[in-house]
Amino acid sequence: MEQQNQQTLTNLVYDIYEDPSLIEDHQVLIQPLLSDLVAKAPEGFEGMATMINTHISNGFKFKNPKIQKFELESGLLKLKTYLQKVNL
């Protein structure tokens, strides 16, 4: 995944974490980026990329704002760690 797309994904997820009302608008932008993240995960990082995808996608599924925030926060934390490791 290109660094520009990495930054875009991180920013979009952070935006909906901060303002859940953006979830529907941003979901269509985030889904292709998550697919790209999983498809282009380096060897050994496939599981982590899949876990990030699961957490962020779960943020879209649930309607309870507390669960959404938890899933998005979990996804963001893992995404930041993942990006630090793959961009070394």
Protein backbone atom coordinates (compact mmCIF):
# COMPACT_ATOMS: atom_id res chain seq x y z
CA MET A 1 0.00 0.00 0.00
CA GLU A 2 1.38 3.38 -1.00
CA GLN A 3 2.27 5.81 1.77
CA GLN A 4 -0.23 8.37 0.49
CA ASN A 5 -3.02 5.76 0.77
CA GLN A 6 -1.76 4.78 4.22
CA GLN A 7 -2.07 8.38 5.38
CA THR A 8 -5.49 8.77 3.75
CA LEU A 9 -6.77 5.61 5.45
CA THR A 10 -5.44 6.72 8.83
CA ASN A 11 -6.96 10.20 8.46
CA LEU A 12 -10.37 8.91 7.36
CA VAL A 13 -10.61 6.41 10.20
CA TYR A 14 -9.51 9.06 12.69
CA ASP A 15 -12.16 11.43 11.30
CA ILE A 16 -14.98 8.96 11.94
CA TYR A 17 -13.53 8.07 15.32
CA GLU A 18 -13.77 11.76 16.26
CA ASP A 19 -17.13 12.34 14.52
CA PRO A 20 -19.21 9.15 14.09
CA SER A 21 -21.75 11.06 11.96
CA LEU A 22 -19.20 10.80 9.11
CA ILE A 23 -19.30 7.00 9.14
CA GLU A 24 -21.60 6.54 6.15
CA ASP A 25 -19.83 9.11 3.99
CA HIS A 26 -16.36 7.79 4.78
CA GLN A 27 -17.20 4.09 4.61
CA VAL A 28 -17.26 4.12 0.79
CA LEU A 29 -13.82 5.74 0.80
CA ILE A 30 -12.34 3.47 3.47
CA GLN A 31 -13.50 0.06 2.17
CA PRO A 32 -11.27 0.07 -0.95
CA LEU A 33 -8.31 1.26 1.12
CA LEU A 34 -8.84 -1.58 3.61
CA SER A 35 -9.01 -4.08 0.74
CA ASP A 36 -5.76 -2.66 -0.62
CA LEU A 37 -4.16 -2.87 2.84
CA VAL A 38 -4.98 -6.57 3.10
CA ALA A 39 -4.11 -7.37 -0.53
CA LYS A 40 -0.70 -5.69 -0.37
CA ALA A 41 0.33 -6.76 3.14
CA PRO A 42 3.98 -7.85 3.21
CA GLU A 43 4.75 -11.46 4.01
CA GLY A 44 4.33 -12.05 7.72
CA PHE A 45 1.96 -9.11 8.16
CA GLU A 46 -1.12 -10.62 6.53
CA GLY A 47 -2.76 -11.49 9.86
CA MET A 48 -2.24 -8.02 11.27
CA ALA A 49 -3.67 -6.39 8.13
CA THR A 50 -6.70 -8.69 8.32
CA MET A 51 -7.18 -7.84 12.02
CA ILE A 52 -7.09 -4.10 11.22
CA ASN A 53 -9.65 -4.64 8.47
CA THR A 54 -11.89 -6.59 10.87
CA HIS A 55 -11.79 -3.95 13.61
CA ILE A 56 -12.48 -1.02 11.31
CA SER A 57 -15.20 -2.93 9.41
CA ASN A 58 -16.82 -3.82 12.73
CA GLY A 59 -16.97 -0.10 13.46
CA PHE A 60 -19.27 0.19 10.43
CA LYS A 61 -21.45 -2.78 11.42
CA PHE A 62 -22.40 -1.82 14.93
CA LYS A 63 -24.86 0.98 15.66
CA ASN A 64 -23.90 1.41 19.33
CA PRO A 65 -21.57 4.44 19.45
CA LYS A 66 -19.49 2.96 22.29
CA ILE A 67 -18.84 -0.22 20.31
CA GLN A 68 -18.09 1.80 17.18
CA LYS A 69 -15.55 3.91 19.06
CA PHE A 70 -13.95 0.81 20.60
CA GLU A 71 -13.61 -0.95 17.24
CA LEU A 72 -12.31 2.14 15.47
CA GLU A 73 -9.84 2.91 18.24
CA SER A 74 -8.59 -0.69 18.18
CA GLY A 75 -8.23 -0.52 14.41
CA LEU A 76 -6.40 2.81 14.56
CA LEU A 77 -3.93 1.63 17.20
CA LYS A 78 -3.15 -1.51 15.24
CA LEU A 79 -2.96 0.43 11.97
CA LYS A 80 -0.41 2.89 13.38
CA THR A 81 1.73 0.04 14.73
CA TYR A 82 1.42 -1.87 11.46
CA LEU A 83 2.45 1.14 9.38
CA GLN A 84 5.45 1.84 11.59
CA LYS A 85 6.65 -1.74 11.16
CA VAL A 86 6.11 -2.07 7.40
CA ASN A 87 7.60 1.34 6.61
CA LEU A 88 10.96 0.71 8.29
